[in-house]
Protein backbone atom coordinates (compact mmCIF):
# COMPACT_ATOMS: atom_id res chain seq x y z
CA UNK A 1 4.27 16.23 -41.00
CA UNK A 2 5.97 13.74 -40.48
CA UNK A 3 7.05 12.84 -36.77
CA UNK A 4 10.83 11.74 -36.29
CA UNK A 5 10.97 7.43 -35.28
CA UNK A 6 10.89 6.94 -31.47
CA UNK A 7 14.01 6.19 -29.67
CA UNK A 8 13.74 3.61 -27.81
CA UNK A 9 12.86 3.44 -23.83
CA UNK A 10 15.91 2.17 -22.23
CA UNK A 11 14.89 1.78 -18.82
CA UNK A 12 11.73 -0.12 -19.97
CA UNK A 13 14.05 -2.84 -22.34
CA UNK A 14 16.00 -3.26 -19.07
CA UNK A 15 12.96 -3.55 -16.84
CA UNK A 16 11.98 -6.30 -19.36
CA UNK A 17 15.31 -8.20 -19.63
CA UNK A 18 15.30 -7.86 -15.94
CA UNK A 19 11.82 -10.05 -15.31
CA UNK A 20 12.73 -12.47 -17.87
CA UNK A 21 16.22 -13.02 -15.80
CA UNK A 22 13.77 -13.26 -12.45
CA UNK A 23 11.24 -15.80 -14.15
CA UNK A 24 14.46 -17.54 -14.74
CA UNK A 25 15.91 -17.60 -11.73
CA UNK A 26 12.48 -18.15 -9.94
CA UNK A 27 11.59 -21.65 -11.91
CA UNK A 28 15.10 -22.80 -11.37
CA UNK A 29 14.14 -22.31 -7.60
CA UNK A 30 11.39 -24.77 -8.30
CA UNK A 31 8.21 -21.94 -8.55
CA UNK A 32 5.67 -22.41 -11.81
CA UNK A 33 5.32 -18.93 -13.05
CA UNK A 34 1.54 -18.39 -13.91
CA UNK A 35 1.24 -15.03 -15.10
CA UNK A 36 3.66 -12.16 -15.90
CA UNK A 37 2.89 -8.58 -15.94
CA UNK A 38 -0.51 -8.72 -14.91
CA UNK A 39 -2.97 -5.73 -15.02
CA UNK A 40 -5.73 -7.61 -12.66
CA UNK A 41 -7.96 -4.00 -12.22
CA UNK A 42 -10.08 -3.05 -15.14
CA UNK A 43 -10.57 0.61 -13.47
CA UNK A 44 -6.99 0.91 -12.44
CA UNK A 45 -4.51 0.44 -15.18
CA UNK A 46 -1.17 1.59 -13.59
CA UNK A 47 -1.64 -1.49 -10.96
CA UNK A 48 0.60 -4.06 -12.25
CA UNK A 49 2.19 -7.28 -11.13
CA UNK A 50 5.58 -8.08 -12.46
CA UNK A 51 5.29 -11.96 -11.81
CA UNK A 52 2.76 -14.61 -10.57
CA UNK A 53 4.17 -17.90 -9.04
CA UNK A 54 2.92 -20.69 -7.33
CA UNK A 55 5.25 -22.45 -5.27
CA UNK A 56 3.79 -26.53 -4.81
CA UNK A 57 6.19 -27.08 -1.88
CA UNK A 58 4.26 -24.66 0.22
CA UNK A 59 1.14 -24.57 -1.70
CA UNK A 60 1.44 -20.54 -1.95
CA UNK A 61 0.95 -18.20 -4.40
CA UNK A 62 3.75 -15.69 -4.45
CA UNK A 63 3.38 -12.22 -6.01
CA UNK A 64 6.94 -10.89 -7.35
CA UNK A 65 7.94 -7.37 -7.68
CA UNK A 66 11.22 -6.90 -10.07
CA UNK A 67 13.72 -4.30 -9.63
CA UNK A 68 16.53 -4.11 -11.80
CA UNK A 69 19.39 -2.01 -11.29
CA UNK A 70 22.55 -1.43 -13.15
CA UNK A 71 25.02 -2.26 -10.17
CA UNK A 72 25.01 -2.40 -6.83
CA UNK A 73 25.88 0.39 -4.39
CA UNK A 74 26.88 -0.53 -0.98
CA UNK A 75 26.16 2.91 0.16
CA UNK A 76 22.32 2.20 -0.78
CA UNK A 77 20.19 -0.34 0.94
CA UNK A 78 17.97 -3.22 -0.45
CA UNK A 79 14.37 -2.56 -1.44
CA UNK A 80 15.43 1.49 -1.76
CA UNK A 81 13.01 1.74 -4.99
CA UNK A 82 9.75 0.72 -3.68
CA UNK A 83 8.18 3.11 -1.86
CA UNK A 84 5.00 4.17 -0.08
CA UNK A 85 2.71 4.93 -2.91
CA UNK A 86 4.40 1.80 -5.15
CA UNK A 87 3.71 -0.39 -1.81
CA UNK A 88 0.31 0.59 -1.49
CA UNK A 89 -0.02 -0.14 -5.49
CA UNK A 90 0.93 -3.45 -5.07
CA UNK A 91 -0.93 -4.19 -2.37
CA UNK A 92 -4.18 -3.31 -4.06
CA UNK A 93 -2.73 -4.98 -7.29
CA UNK A 94 -2.58 -8.19 -5.45
CA UNK A 95 -5.66 -7.83 -3.67
CA UNK A 96 -7.52 -6.94 -7.03
CA UNK A 97 -5.56 -10.06 -8.14
CA UNK A 98 -7.06 -12.17 -5.55
CA UNK A 99 -10.45 -10.81 -5.93
CA UNK A 100 -10.73 -11.35 -9.44
CA UNK A 101 -9.52 -14.99 -9.77
CA UNK A 102 -11.55 -15.91 -6.28
CA UNK A 103 -8.20 -17.00 -4.65
CA UNK A 104 -8.29 -18.07 -1.57
CA UNK A 105 -5.14 -19.94 -0.73
CA UNK A 106 -2.17 -18.94 0.73
CA UNK A 107 0.00 -15.91 -0.54
CA UNK A 108 3.41 -14.03 0.26
CA UNK A 109 5.01 -11.33 -1.28
CA UNK A 110 8.99 -11.50 -2.79
CA UNK A 111 11.01 -8.61 -4.13
CA UNK A 112 13.97 -10.05 -7.25
CA UNK A 113 16.26 -7.61 -7.56
CA UNK A 114 18.32 -7.57 -10.44
CA UNK A 115 21.51 -6.05 -10.50
CA UNK A 116 23.33 -5.52 -14.00
CA UNK A 117 22.65 -4.63 -17.65
CA UNK A 118 22.07 -6.85 -21.31
CA UNK A 119 24.66 -7.72 -22.82
CA UNK A 120 27.25 -6.93 -19.67
CA UNK A 121 28.22 -10.21 -18.06
CA UNK A 122 26.55 -12.60 -15.70
CA UNK A 123 23.71 -10.08 -13.55
CA UNK A 124 23.32 -10.64 -9.78
CA UNK A 125 19.98 -11.79 -8.49
CA UNK A 126 19.00 -10.91 -5.33
CA UNK A 127 15.87 -13.02 -4.00
CA UNK A 128 14.21 -11.55 -0.84
CA UNK A 129 11.55 -13.72 0.08
CA UNK A 130 8.55 -13.03 1.90
CA UNK A 131 8.58 -9.41 1.97
CA UNK A 132 5.86 -7.49 4.96
CA UNK A 133 3.42 -6.07 1.96
CA UNK A 134 0.00 -6.87 3.55
CA UNK A 135 -0.01 -4.35 6.77
CA UNK A 136 -2.43 -7.66 8.26
CA UNK A 137 -0.98 -10.76 7.03
CA UNK A 138 -3.58 -12.92 9.27
CA UNK A 139 -6.05 -12.12 6.57
CA UNK A 140 -4.95 -14.01 3.98
CA UNK A 141 -5.13 -17.51 5.42
CA UNK A 142 -5.38 -20.95 3.54
CA UNK A 143 -9.30 -21.04 4.22
CA UNK A 144 -9.42 -24.63 2.65
CA UNK A 145 -6.98 -26.28 5.23
CA UNK A 146 -8.46 -24.69 7.96
CA UNK A 147 -12.12 -25.88 6.99
CA UNK A 148 -10.26 -29.38 5.24
CA UNK A 149 -10.22 -30.86 9.02
CA UNK A 150 -13.42 -30.13 10.38
CA UNK A 151 -14.79 -26.44 11.67
CA UNK A 152 -11.85 -24.73 12.14
CA UNK A 153 -11.82 -20.92 13.92
């Protein structure tokens, strides 16, 4: 029995395009892309970080979630597609990446929303920096900076 050819998944294609646009925008802002589509959890392959970038100016690792939308709607608020389950998964993925890579420096979480579709002109890019993803941000401090000058607290 011959299977019919698979139809292209338009959502996946648009998502890849949105991630490429976001990565280019982050590079233009001076961030260095460390990884894309990182899956740090061996035990849970559904946890994914779209882009991991490094900001030299602040010595901060930036975890970026990319959301691609066909068009901007005035009735819907920003970050509308990140619900509680997605936040939990992003927290888990970020913490797993830091654990796997033994990273103890400063971190922040950004969201890049892309409004547009491939081939339909220039997309709108909305970079929302320093989104409060982590419940207790004081847990994620730059320990090397705190201990470099002496005892630290």
